[in-house]
Amino acid sequence: MFRFVHAADIHLDSPLRGLSRYESAPKDAIRSACRRAFEKLIDLAIEKEVAFVLLAGDLYDGDWKDYSTGIFLARQMGRLQRHGIQVYAVAGNHDAASRVTRALDLPENMKIFSSRKVETVRPEGLNAAIHGRSFGTRHVDTNLSAGFRPADRGVFNIGMLHTSLDGREGHGVYAPCSLDDLRSRGYQYWALGHVHRQEIVSEDPWVVFPGCIQGRHIREAGPKGCVLVTVENGRVADVEKISLDVLRWELCTVDLTGTDGMEGIIDCTRKAIGRVLESAEGRPVAMRIWYEGTSDAADALAAWPGRLENQVRAVAAEIAPDEVWVERVVNAAVARRDLNALSGSDSALGRLLGEIMAGSDDPDAIDGFHEIVAELRKRIPHDVRGMDSVLDMENSGRMSRIIREARQMLAGRLLAEGGMAE
């Protein structure tokens, strides 16, 4: 019997996005989150006395800002080496993008598989064979699994590959292959990486994405960590999911159906935040508040989104000042009455509402829109308008959403000030 840890997508020293600009956010904790999660991974391997650790790609996050990343890694590998634990890794697309790491001497107990061909290693003292191949460049669009040799007879075979498999939502296509491709090799376990959401794709054979070990933004919500695998008599006896994240991202949904007035909204918000905190296993939580449902107060919320966001952050600070940070507030609630009917009335306000609601969400259909965005790009810092930002100006879908929210805000203010919100 032996055990091993399977982890992937560490992204050492990758920044957590969406909270650093929030004045009350714990910037030091955010900055060190990926390192602390990795330290917990090493702690787990030592505590469980595993035979080895598998890292299935994207240990790094591209080029380092300085050598402190490499020094940190060497320190953690040294901890494992003192306990006789080997580390086997394949390079992923982010690792292949790093120029610095290519010139770095690896720790003695760490093996990174070749990018030129599939390699096989036999861990000393174990009846096992580990087969793996790394990325040689950032963009690999060929089926690397085709180069893996058939399983070695009489041993426990593990395949290591950084791949999108047959496609996963929200992830780029890298080294695509099918589940049948993997099954055809005859291995007992496939240690995959690249997909940041934990998923057990198959149990015959075991094909596993462990997910990333630390969420970095709201699209990586929920528990993050690794899997601890127990092998007995040449078969997988257990695959245990282990949470390693030190700060958790969560989407906090608040149903406003039947709620009237701000007092009711705040009460619903307080209860929803409490439920998310209870499920976070004692971790601090970065959350996005998502209002939905049908409420008479929906127009008023849409009219003054900044006021709503500040009220929500005040509630979060009241409930758990050091455990909750609100990344963003999204109002998707709708009014009980039919806005289309109101906008179709023959009054001046009705006609104005009709014109507002009839507008297009398509940026290309709005005169001067792209010129305005081009001017904003010059004035807004890149990290504010980049990927995962509210102002991601390269994302046409996000621009459409901003246009739609602006329309709802304008309509909400007209309704509130025009006496039609009661």
Protein backbone atom coordinates (compact mmCIF):
# COMPACT_ATOMS: atom_id res chain seq x y z
CA MET A 1 0.00 0.00 0.00
CA PHE A 2 1.17 3.52 -0.76
CA ARG A 3 -0.29 7.00 -1.02
CA PHE A 4 0.37 9.96 -3.24
CA VAL A 5 -0.87 13.52 -3.56
CA HIS A 6 -2.11 14.77 -6.92
CA ALA A 7 -2.24 18.56 -7.35
CA ALA A 8 -2.11 20.94 -10.30
CA ASP A 9 -2.40 24.58 -11.33
CA ILE A 10 -0.52 25.99 -8.36
CA HIS A 11 0.25 29.32 -10.13
CA LEU A 12 2.78 30.34 -7.49
CA ASP A 13 2.73 34.09 -6.76
CA SER A 14 -0.18 34.71 -9.12
CA PRO A 15 -2.14 37.75 -7.94
CA LEU A 16 -5.68 37.36 -6.61
CA ARG A 17 -7.83 39.66 -8.69
CA GLY A 18 -10.80 41.75 -7.68
CA LEU A 19 -9.98 42.57 -4.05
CA SER A 20 -6.70 44.47 -4.04
CA ARG A 21 -8.47 47.74 -4.82
CA TYR A 22 -10.99 47.31 -1.99
CA GLU A 23 -9.63 49.56 0.75
CA SER A 24 -10.49 47.19 3.61
CA ALA A 25 -9.18 44.05 1.93
CA PRO A 26 -6.23 42.27 3.59
CA LYS A 27 -3.71 42.95 0.84
CA ASP A 28 -0.86 41.03 2.47
CA ALA A 29 -3.03 37.94 2.95
CA ILE A 30 -4.24 38.17 -0.63
CA ARG A 31 -0.71 38.54 -1.97
CA SER A 32 0.54 35.46 -0.11
CA ALA A 33 -2.52 33.22 -0.58
CA CYS A 34 -1.04 30.99 -3.31
CA ARG A 35 2.13 30.43 -1.28
CA ARG A 36 0.24 29.57 1.90
CA ALA A 37 -1.98 27.12 0.03
CA PHE A 38 1.15 25.45 -1.38
CA GLU A 39 2.63 25.23 2.12
CA LYS A 40 -0.53 23.43 3.21
CA LEU A 41 -0.03 21.01 0.31
CA ILE A 42 3.48 20.24 1.56
CA ASP A 43 2.17 19.89 5.14
CA LEU A 44 -0.40 17.35 3.92
CA ALA A 45 2.19 15.27 2.06
CA ILE A 46 4.42 15.11 5.13
CA GLU A 47 1.57 14.39 7.55
CA LYS A 48 0.16 11.55 5.41
CA GLU A 49 3.65 10.14 4.73
CA VAL A 50 2.99 9.91 1.00
CA ALA A 51 5.38 8.15 -1.35
CA PHE A 52 5.43 11.02 -3.82
CA VAL A 53 3.68 14.19 -4.97
CA LEU A 54 2.38 14.71 -8.52
CA LEU A 55 2.15 18.25 -9.91
CA ALA A 56 0.25 18.17 -13.20
CA GLY A 57 1.29 21.50 -14.70
CA ASP A 58 1.24 25.25 -14.15
CA LEU A 59 3.35 25.25 -11.02
CA TYR A 60 4.33 28.78 -11.99
CA ASP A 61 2.35 31.66 -13.43
CA GLY A 62 4.65 32.61 -16.29
CA ASP A 63 7.84 34.56 -15.70
CA TRP A 64 8.73 35.48 -12.14
CA LYS A 65 8.99 39.07 -11.01
CA ASP A 66 12.09 38.06 -9.06
CA TYR A 67 13.89 34.97 -7.81
CA SER A 68 11.94 34.83 -4.54
CA THR A 69 9.48 32.47 -6.24
CA GLY A 70 12.26 29.98 -7.00
CA ILE A 71 13.73 30.31 -3.52
CA PHE A 72 10.30 29.66 -1.98
CA LEU A 73 9.84 26.55 -4.14
CA ALA A 74 13.30 25.23 -3.22
CA ARG A 75 12.49 25.66 0.46
CA GLN A 76 9.26 23.67 0.14
CA MET A 77 10.91 20.92 -1.91
CA GLY A 78 13.60 20.73 0.77
CA ARG A 79 10.94 20.05 3.38
CA LEU A 80 9.71 17.10 1.33
CA GLN A 81 13.23 15.84 0.67
CA ARG A 82 13.97 15.67 4.40
CA HIS A 83 11.04 13.23 4.66
CA GLY A 84 12.13 11.18 1.63
CA ILE A 85 9.25 12.36 -0.57
CA GLN A 86 9.82 12.66 -4.31
CA VAL A 87 8.04 15.13 -6.59
CA TYR A 88 7.11 14.38 -10.20
CA ALA A 89 5.85 17.21 -12.40
CA VAL A 90 4.90 18.07 -15.95
CA ALA A 91 5.18 21.59 -17.31
CA GLY A 92 1.93 23.23 -18.38
CA ASN A 93 1.24 26.18 -20.64
CA HIS A 94 2.13 28.77 -17.98
CA ASP A 95 5.33 26.94 -17.06
CA ALA A 96 6.37 26.76 -20.71
CA ALA A 97 5.90 30.52 -20.96
CA SER A 98 8.50 31.14 -18.25
CA ARG A 99 11.98 32.01 -19.46
CA VAL A 100 13.48 32.23 -15.98
CA THR A 101 12.65 28.68 -14.89
CA ARG A 102 14.45 27.11 -17.83
CA ALA A 103 17.78 28.20 -16.39
CA LEU A 104 16.96 27.07 -12.85
CA ASP A 105 18.57 23.99 -11.31
CA LEU A 106 15.84 21.70 -10.02
CA PRO A 107 15.78 20.51 -6.39
CA GLU A 108 17.30 17.02 -6.06
CA ASN A 109 13.98 15.37 -5.22
CA MET A 110 12.07 16.94 -8.12
CA LYS A 111 11.67 15.45 -11.59
CA ILE A 112 10.08 17.41 -14.47
CA PHE A 113 9.20 15.21 -17.43
CA SER A 114 10.62 16.00 -20.86
CA SER A 115 8.67 18.03 -23.40
CA ARG A 116 10.26 16.21 -26.35
CA LYS A 117 8.81 12.78 -25.64
CA VAL A 118 6.93 10.77 -23.03
CA GLU A 119 9.20 9.60 -20.22
CA THR A 120 8.63 6.81 -17.71
CA VAL A 121 10.07 6.62 -14.20
CA ARG A 122 9.88 3.83 -11.63
CA PRO A 123 9.83 5.22 -8.05
CA GLU A 124 12.34 3.33 -5.95
CA GLY A 125 10.81 0.67 -3.72
CA LEU A 126 7.34 0.89 -5.29
CA ASN A 127 5.56 -1.35 -7.75
CA ALA A 128 4.57 1.62 -9.89
CA ALA A 129 5.38 3.38 -13.15
CA ILE A 130 4.76 7.08 -13.80
CA HIS A 131 4.51 8.24 -17.41
CA GLY A 132 4.49 11.94 -18.31
CA ARG A 133 5.18 14.58 -20.90
CA SER A 134 5.55 18.34 -20.47
CA PHE A 135 4.59 21.27 -22.65
CA GLY A 136 7.51 22.64 -24.65
CA THR A 137 5.70 25.80 -25.70
CA ARG A 138 2.81 27.80 -24.32
CA HIS A 139 0.39 26.71 -27.05
CA VAL A 140 0.14 22.96 -27.62
CA ASP A 141 -2.76 21.95 -29.83
CA THR A 142 -1.70 18.38 -30.59
CA ASN A 143 -2.90 15.24 -28.83
CA LEU A 144 0.02 14.44 -26.52
CA SER A 145 -1.74 11.38 -25.13
CA ALA A 146 -1.11 9.58 -28.43
CA GLY A 147 2.59 9.34 -27.52
CA PHE A 148 2.04 7.51 -24.22
CA ARG A 149 3.10 3.88 -24.35
CA PRO A 150 0.86 1.01 -23.20
CA ALA A 151 0.82 0.25 -19.48
CA ASP A 152 3.71 -1.63 -17.97
CA ARG A 153 2.52 -5.07 -16.91
CA GLY A 154 2.20 -6.00 -13.28
CA VAL A 155 2.60 -2.48 -11.89
CA PHE A 156 0.41 0.46 -11.00
CA ASN A 157 0.55 2.86 -13.98
CA ILE A 158 0.03 6.62 -13.69
CA GLY A 159 -0.20 9.00 -16.63
CA MET A 160 0.55 12.71 -16.13
CA LEU A 161 -0.77 15.24 -18.62
CA HIS A 162 -1.71 18.90 -18.74
CA THR A 163 -4.75 18.95 -21.01
CA SER A 164 -8.20 20.41 -21.64
CA LEU A 165 -9.29 16.83 -22.43
CA ASP A 166 -12.31 17.08 -24.73
CA GLY A 167 -13.03 20.66 -23.66
CA ARG A 168 -14.09 22.34 -20.43
CA GLU A 169 -16.05 25.59 -20.18
CA GLY A 170 -13.90 28.61 -19.40
CA HIS A 171 -10.60 26.93 -20.29
CA GLY A 172 -8.47 27.22 -23.39
CA VAL A 173 -7.98 24.20 -25.62
CA TYR A 174 -4.57 22.69 -24.86
CA ALA A 175 -3.29 19.21 -25.77
CA PRO A 176 -6.86 18.03 -26.50
CA CYS A 177 -7.68 14.33 -26.24
CA SER A 178 -10.61 12.07 -25.48
CA LEU A 179 -11.40 9.86 -22.53
CA ASP A 180 -11.11 6.87 -24.86
CA ASP A 181 -7.58 8.00 -25.77
CA LEU A 182 -6.62 7.78 -22.10
CA ARG A 183 -8.41 4.49 -21.49
CA SER A 184 -6.63 2.87 -24.42
CA ARG A 185 -3.28 3.12 -22.61
CA GLY A 186 -4.42 0.72 -19.88
CA TYR A 187 -3.27 2.90 -16.95
CA GLN A 188 -4.92 2.74 -13.54
CA TYR A 189 -4.76 6.51 -12.86
CA TRP A 190 -4.49 9.65 -14.99
CA ALA A 191 -3.24 12.73 -13.14
CA LEU A 192 -4.47 15.67 -15.20
CA GLY A 193 -4.05 19.42 -14.88
CA HIS A 194 -5.22 22.65 -16.54
CA VAL A 195 -8.89 22.68 -15.50
CA HIS A 196 -9.24 24.71 -12.30
CA ARG A 197 -12.48 23.07 -11.15
CA GLN A 198 -12.07 19.75 -9.39
CA GLU A 199 -13.58 16.91 -11.38
CA ILE A 200 -13.43 13.14 -11.29
CA VAL A 201 -13.95 12.43 -14.97
CA SER A 202 -13.87 8.64 -14.68
CA GLU A 203 -13.35 5.90 -12.11
CA ASP A 204 -12.52 3.17 -14.63
CA PRO A 205 -9.76 4.10 -15.00
CA TRP A 206 -9.44 6.98 -12.57
CA VAL A 207 -9.14 10.21 -14.56
CA VAL A 208 -8.92 13.21 -12.25
CA PHE A 209 -8.63 16.98 -12.44
CA PRO A 210 -7.74 18.05 -8.87
CA GLY A 211 -8.46 21.71 -9.67
CA CYS A 212 -6.31 24.62 -8.56
CA ILE A 213 -5.20 24.82 -4.92
CA GLN A 214 -6.23 28.46 -4.41
CA GLY A 215 -8.98 30.40 -6.14
CA ARG A 216 -7.68 33.67 -7.60
CA HIS A 217 -10.91 35.39 -8.64
CA ILE A 218 -14.67 34.95 -8.55
CA ARG A 219 -14.68 32.53 -11.50
CA GLU A 220 -12.73 30.14 -9.25
CA ALA A 221 -15.32 30.04 -6.48
CA GLY A 222 -15.81 27.25 -3.99
CA PRO A 223 -13.40 24.86 -2.25
CA LYS A 224 -9.99 24.42 -3.91
CA GLY A 225 -7.29 21.88 -3.20
CA CYS A 226 -5.90 18.50 -4.22
CA VAL A 227 -6.65 14.79 -3.98
CA LEU A 228 -5.00 12.21 -1.74
CA VAL A 229 -4.87 8.80 -3.48
CA THR A 230 -4.46 5.47 -1.70
CA VAL A 231 -3.29 2.46 -3.72
CA GLU A 232 -3.72 -1.10 -2.47
CA ASN A 233 -2.93 -4.32 -4.34
CA GLY A 234 -2.32 -2.46 -7.58
CA ARG A 235 -5.70 -0.68 -7.53
CA VAL A 236 -7.02 2.69 -6.40
CA ALA A 237 -8.60 2.10 -2.99
CA ASP A 238 -9.55 5.71 -2.22
CA VAL A 239 -9.46 9.20 -3.72
CA GLU A 240 -9.98 11.82 -1.00
CA LYS A 241 -10.65 15.45 -1.83
CA ILE A 242 -8.63 17.83 0.38
CA SER A 243 -9.30 21.57 0.66
CA LEU A 244 -6.15 23.70 0.74
CA ASP A 245 -7.34 27.22 -0.05
CA VAL A 246 -6.68 29.86 2.58
CA LEU A 247 -9.11 32.43 1.21
CA ARG A 248 -12.32 31.26 -0.46
CA TRP A 249 -14.24 32.91 -3.25
CA GLU A 250 -18.00 32.47 -3.20
CA LEU A 251 -21.01 33.67 -5.16
CA CYS A 252 -23.56 34.69 -2.53
CA THR A 253 -27.05 34.58 -4.08
CA VAL A 254 -29.77 36.65 -2.39
CA ASP A 255 -33.36 35.97 -3.49
CA LEU A 256 -35.42 39.16 -3.10
CA THR A 257 -38.72 37.61 -4.16
CA GLY A 258 -41.50 39.20 -2.13
CA THR A 259 -39.12 41.64 -0.43
CA ASP A 260 -40.27 45.25 -0.01
CA GLY A 261 -38.00 48.10 0.98
CA MET A 262 -34.37 48.37 1.97
CA GLU A 263 -34.89 46.92 5.44
CA GLY A 264 -36.09 43.63 3.97
CA ILE A 265 -33.25 43.60 1.44
CA ILE A 266 -30.62 44.10 4.12
CA ASP A 267 -32.18 41.36 6.27
CA CYS A 268 -32.06 38.92 3.34
CA THR A 269 -28.47 39.94 2.63
CA ARG A 270 -27.38 39.42 6.22
CA LYS A 271 -28.85 35.90 6.29
CA ALA A 272 -27.29 34.96 2.94
CA ILE A 273 -23.83 36.15 4.00
CA GLY A 274 -24.17 34.14 7.22
CA ARG A 275 -24.98 30.96 5.28
CA VAL A 276 -21.92 31.38 3.06
CA LEU A 277 -19.66 31.95 6.07
CA GLU A 278 -20.93 28.77 7.72
CA SER A 279 -19.97 26.73 4.65
CA ALA A 280 -16.47 28.20 4.34
CA GLU A 281 -14.84 25.85 6.88
CA GLY A 282 -13.46 28.71 8.95
CA ARG A 283 -11.79 30.47 6.03
CA PRO A 284 -12.11 34.17 5.23
CA VAL A 285 -14.38 34.68 2.23
CA ALA A 286 -14.27 37.00 -0.75
CA MET A 287 -17.77 37.07 -2.13
CA ARG A 288 -19.80 38.49 -4.93
CA ILE A 289 -23.35 39.36 -3.87
CA TRP A 290 -25.89 38.44 -6.52
CA TYR A 291 -29.44 39.75 -6.13
CA GLU A 292 -32.18 37.93 -8.00
CA GLY A 293 -35.91 37.37 -7.83
CA THR A 294 -38.88 39.71 -8.09
CA SER A 295 -39.22 42.69 -5.78
CA ASP A 296 -40.90 46.09 -5.72
CA ALA A 297 -37.53 47.53 -4.67
CA ALA A 298 -35.70 46.32 -7.78
CA ASP A 299 -35.88 49.64 -9.63
CA ALA A 300 -34.58 51.58 -6.66
CA LEU A 301 -31.64 49.18 -6.37
CA ALA A 302 -30.86 49.59 -10.05
CA ALA A 303 -31.08 53.37 -9.80
CA TRP A 304 -28.26 53.79 -7.27
CA PRO A 305 -25.90 50.80 -7.51
CA GLY A 306 -23.07 52.56 -5.70
CA ARG A 307 -25.29 53.27 -2.71
CA LEU A 308 -26.40 49.63 -2.63
CA GLU A 309 -22.82 48.34 -2.78
CA ASN A 310 -21.72 50.51 0.13
CA GLN A 311 -24.69 49.38 2.22
CA VAL A 312 -23.87 45.74 1.50
CA ARG A 313 -20.22 46.21 2.44
CA ALA A 314 -21.33 47.86 5.68
CA VAL A 315 -23.46 44.79 6.45
CA ALA A 316 -20.52 42.47 5.72
CA ALA A 317 -18.26 44.54 7.98
CA GLU A 318 -20.88 44.35 10.74
CA ILE A 319 -21.24 40.56 10.50
CA ALA A 320 -17.58 39.57 10.18
CA PRO A 321 -15.16 42.49 9.78
CA ASP A 322 -12.09 40.30 9.30
CA GLU A 323 -13.66 37.33 7.51
CA VAL A 324 -15.74 38.79 4.68
CA TRP A 325 -14.82 41.05 1.77
CA VAL A 326 -17.36 41.96 -0.88
CA GLU A 327 -15.77 41.83 -4.31
CA ARG A 328 -18.81 43.17 -6.16
CA VAL A 329 -22.59 43.56 -5.94
CA VAL A 330 -24.71 42.53 -8.93
CA ASN A 331 -28.39 43.40 -9.09
CA ALA A 332 -30.28 40.96 -11.33
CA ALA A 333 -33.59 41.39 -9.50
CA VAL A 334 -36.62 42.56 -11.48
CA ALA A 335 -39.64 44.62 -10.49
CA ARG A 336 -43.02 42.99 -9.93
CA ARG A 337 -44.78 45.20 -12.39
CA ASP A 338 -44.35 44.93 -16.13
CA LEU A 339 -41.76 47.51 -17.14
CA ASN A 340 -42.64 47.00 -20.80
CA ALA A 341 -46.23 48.00 -20.08
CA LEU A 342 -45.08 51.12 -18.26
CA SER A 343 -42.68 52.06 -21.03
CA GLY A 344 -45.49 51.59 -23.55
CA SER A 345 -47.76 54.17 -21.94
CA ASP A 346 -48.51 57.40 -23.80
CA SER A 347 -47.08 59.72 -21.12
CA ALA A 348 -43.85 61.62 -21.69
CA LEU A 349 -42.12 59.45 -19.07
CA GLY A 350 -43.54 56.30 -20.64
CA ARG A 351 -42.27 57.28 -24.09
CA LEU A 352 -38.82 58.08 -22.68
CA LEU A 353 -38.70 54.74 -20.87
CA GLY A 354 -39.73 53.04 -24.09
CA GLU A 355 -36.81 54.56 -25.97
CA ILE A 356 -34.38 53.58 -23.21
CA MET A 357 -35.54 49.97 -23.00
CA ALA A 358 -35.64 49.59 -26.79
CA GLY A 359 -31.95 50.43 -27.11
CA SER A 360 -29.44 47.83 -28.23
CA ASP A 361 -26.93 46.05 -25.98
CA ASP A 362 -24.58 45.63 -28.94
CA PRO A 363 -21.60 48.02 -28.64
CA ASP A 364 -21.32 48.11 -32.45
CA ALA A 365 -24.87 49.49 -32.71
CA ILE A 366 -24.21 52.55 -30.51
CA ASP A 367 -22.80 55.60 -32.27
CA GLY A 368 -19.50 56.73 -30.78
CA PHE A 369 -19.29 53.86 -28.28
CA HIS A 370 -15.90 52.55 -29.42
CA GLU A 371 -14.45 56.07 -29.45
CA ILE A 372 -15.54 56.53 -25.83
CA VAL A 373 -14.03 53.18 -24.84
CA ALA A 374 -10.77 54.05 -26.62
CA GLU A 375 -10.56 57.26 -24.59
CA LEU A 376 -11.26 55.37 -21.37
CA ARG A 377 -8.46 52.92 -22.12
CA LYS A 378 -6.02 55.81 -22.07
CA ARG A 379 -7.21 57.02 -18.68
CA ILE A 380 -7.86 53.79 -16.74
CA PRO A 381 -4.88 51.72 -15.45
CA HIS A 382 -4.45 48.38 -17.20
CA ASP A 383 -4.93 46.29 -14.02
CA VAL A 384 -8.34 47.89 -13.49
CA ARG A 385 -9.62 47.09 -16.97
CA GLY A 386 -7.91 43.75 -17.52
CA MET A 387 -9.22 40.18 -17.42
CA ASP A 388 -11.62 39.43 -14.54
CA SER A 389 -12.13 43.14 -13.92
CA VAL A 390 -15.56 44.77 -13.96
CA LEU A 391 -14.14 46.97 -16.73
CA ASP A 392 -12.65 44.27 -18.94
CA MET A 393 -12.83 46.31 -22.14
CA GLU A 394 -11.59 43.48 -24.33
CA ASN A 395 -14.66 41.39 -23.51
CA SER A 396 -17.60 42.23 -25.80
CA GLY A 397 -20.01 40.30 -23.60
CA ARG A 398 -18.97 42.32 -20.57
CA MET A 399 -19.36 45.56 -22.50
CA SER A 400 -22.88 44.50 -23.46
CA ARG A 401 -23.65 43.81 -19.82
CA ILE A 402 -22.39 47.25 -18.78
CA ILE A 403 -24.63 48.86 -21.40
CA ARG A 404 -27.60 46.84 -20.14
CA GLU A 405 -26.89 47.77 -16.50
CA ALA A 406 -26.58 51.46 -17.44
CA ARG A 407 -29.98 51.27 -19.12
CA GLN A 408 -31.52 49.64 -16.05
CA MET A 409 -29.94 52.25 -13.77
CA LEU A 410 -31.32 55.11 -15.85
CA ALA A 411 -34.78 53.54 -16.02
CA GLY A 412 -34.75 52.91 -12.27
CA ARG A 413 -33.94 56.54 -11.49
CA LEU A 414 -36.61 57.81 -13.85
CA LEU A 415 -39.19 55.53 -12.28
CA ALA A 416 -38.19 56.44 -8.73
CA GLU A 417 -38.09 60.20 -9.36
CA GLY A 418 -41.13 60.10 -11.64
CA GLY A 419 -43.38 58.64 -8.96
CA MET A 420 -43.84 55.32 -10.74
CA ALA A 421 -41.75 53.23 -8.36
CA GLU A 422 -44.41 52.98 -5.66
